[in-house]
Protein backbone atom coordinates (compact mmCIF):
# COMPACT_ATOMS: atom_id res chain seq x y z
CA MET A 1 5.05 -13.04 -2.88
CA ILE A 2 3.61 -10.39 -0.50
CA ASN A 3 3.02 -11.03 3.05
CA ILE A 4 -0.18 -9.78 5.06
CA HIS A 5 0.17 -9.80 8.48
CA PRO A 6 -3.23 -11.53 9.85
CA SER A 7 -3.83 -8.37 11.96
CA THR A 8 -3.98 -6.21 8.52
CA ARG A 9 -7.50 -4.71 8.00
CA VAL A 10 -8.11 -5.38 3.90
CA PHE A 11 -10.62 -3.28 2.22
CA LEU A 12 -12.08 -4.18 -1.28
CA CYS A 13 -13.21 -1.93 -3.85
CA SER A 14 -16.54 -2.64 -5.48
CA LEU A 15 -16.16 -0.31 -8.33
CA PRO A 16 -13.71 -0.82 -11.19
CA ILE A 17 -10.95 1.30 -11.53
CA ASP A 18 -8.82 2.79 -14.62
CA MET A 19 -5.61 0.65 -14.23
CA ARG A 20 -3.71 3.55 -15.54
CA LEU A 21 -4.45 4.95 -11.80
CA SER A 22 -0.91 5.05 -9.72
CA PHE A 23 -0.13 6.17 -6.22
CA ASP A 24 -1.80 9.15 -5.74
CA GLY A 25 -5.01 8.21 -8.18
CA LEU A 26 -5.69 5.15 -5.89
CA ALA A 27 -4.57 7.61 -2.96
CA GLY A 28 -7.78 9.47 -4.17
CA MET A 29 -9.91 6.55 -4.38
CA VAL A 30 -9.47 5.53 -1.02
CA LYS A 31 -10.58 8.95 0.05
CA SER A 32 -13.45 8.88 -1.88
CA HIS A 33 -14.92 5.20 -1.95
CA PHE A 34 -13.95 4.38 1.34
CA SER A 35 -13.58 7.56 3.47
CA MET A 36 -10.25 6.68 4.84
CA ASN A 37 -6.82 8.25 4.75
CA PRO A 38 -4.88 6.02 2.39
CA THR A 39 -1.60 6.43 5.04
CA CYS A 40 -3.67 4.69 7.80
CA GLY A 41 -1.91 1.28 7.07
CA HIS A 42 -4.56 -0.66 5.73
CA LEU A 43 -4.68 -2.72 3.03
CA PHE A 44 -6.56 -1.33 -0.17
CA VAL A 45 -7.78 -3.34 -3.26
CA PHE A 46 -8.78 -2.08 -6.56
CA PHE A 47 -9.79 -4.32 -9.83
CA SER A 48 -10.35 -3.83 -13.20
CA ARG A 49 -13.45 -3.60 -15.24
CA ARG A 50 -12.79 -7.29 -16.57
CA ARG A 51 -11.87 -8.21 -13.06
CA ASP A 52 -8.63 -10.17 -14.75
CA ARG A 53 -6.05 -7.46 -12.90
CA MET A 54 -5.99 -6.23 -9.25
CA LYS A 55 -3.65 -3.38 -7.79
CA LEU A 56 -3.22 -3.12 -4.10
CA LEU A 57 -2.11 -0.21 -2.35
CA PHE A 58 -1.04 0.47 1.22
CA TRP A 59 1.45 2.65 3.22
CA ASP A 60 4.60 1.13 4.88
CA SER A 61 6.63 3.40 7.33
CA GLU A 62 8.39 5.32 4.25
CA GLY A 63 5.83 5.50 1.83
CA PHE A 64 3.06 4.38 -0.41
CA VAL A 65 3.65 0.74 -2.20
CA MET A 66 1.43 -0.73 -4.82
CA TYR A 67 1.38 -3.97 -6.01
CA TYR A 68 -0.16 -5.64 -9.29
CA LYS A 69 -1.13 -8.71 -10.30
CA ARG A 70 -2.58 -9.74 -13.61
CA LEU A 71 -4.26 -13.39 -14.30
CA GLU A 72 -2.94 -15.02 -17.50
CA ARG A 73 -6.60 -16.89 -17.31
CA GLY A 74 -9.79 -16.29 -15.40
CA THR A 75 -10.71 -13.42 -13.39
CA PHE A 76 -11.16 -12.54 -9.46
CA ALA A 77 -15.08 -11.90 -10.25
CA TRP A 78 -15.57 -15.16 -7.64
CA LEU A 79 -14.83 -12.47 -4.84
CA ASP A 80 -18.21 -11.21 -5.46
CA GLU A 81 -19.89 -14.14 -3.93
CA LEU A 82 -18.17 -13.67 -0.46
CA ASP A 83 -20.02 -12.41 2.44
CA LEU A 84 -17.94 -9.30 2.99
CA ARG A 85 -18.19 -7.28 5.71
CA ASP A 86 -19.61 -3.88 5.51
CA GLY A 87 -17.17 -1.65 3.06
CA GLY A 88 -15.81 -4.54 1.36
CA GLU A 89 -13.77 -5.67 4.32
CA MET A 90 -12.04 -9.13 4.37
CA GLU A 91 -10.47 -10.99 6.57
CA ALA A 92 -6.54 -10.77 6.04
CA THR A 93 -5.32 -14.56 6.00
CA ASP A 94 -8.17 -15.11 3.66
CA PHE A 95 -6.86 -12.18 1.07
CA ALA A 96 -3.59 -14.05 1.58
CA MET A 97 -5.07 -17.16 0.14
CA VAL A 98 -6.02 -14.90 -3.06
CA ILE A 99 -2.73 -13.22 -3.71
CA ALA A 100 -1.51 -16.77 -3.46
CA GLY A 101 -4.18 -17.75 -6.58
CA VAL A 102 -6.54 -19.70 -4.01
CA ASN A 103 -10.19 -19.51 -5.34
CA SER A 104 -12.07 -20.58 -2.03
CA VAL A 105 -15.68 -20.36 -3.75
CA ASN A 106 -15.12 -23.58 -5.55
CA MET A 107 -12.62 -25.49 -2.89
CA PRO A 108 -14.55 -28.78 -2.23
CA SER A 109 -16.32 -28.98 1.06
CA LYS A 110 -14.46 -30.52 4.06
CA ARG A 111 -17.33 -32.75 4.59
CA ARG A 112 -17.77 -35.79 3.38
CA GLU A 113 -20.51 -37.12 2.30
CA VAL A 114 -21.77 -40.73 3.55
CA ARG A 115 -22.84 -43.50 0.93
CA HIS A 116 -25.25 -46.22 2.05
């Protein structure tokens, strides 16, 4: 399990990537897609074409760290339904739920319907 600090900025790439890309390839994607320095400390998230695989790239104090998750069932396609900020930015606390396997789009509303 990966722990994401609430102050971490999380950016989701809208383009599908070749999942064979490793550290240098993903760092290049950060530069070209986000126009950011990959060593800035933010978390960058990439998805496969089928949206069943996800790679995270971030820089810690010693070098790049990559996290790879493959779903056995389903996809991450529901993330497209979220209202993300410009540049694909998502709240770190919301993304921590994604990593934990929570699909917030299908979660029931907290409001209860009153029946008469």
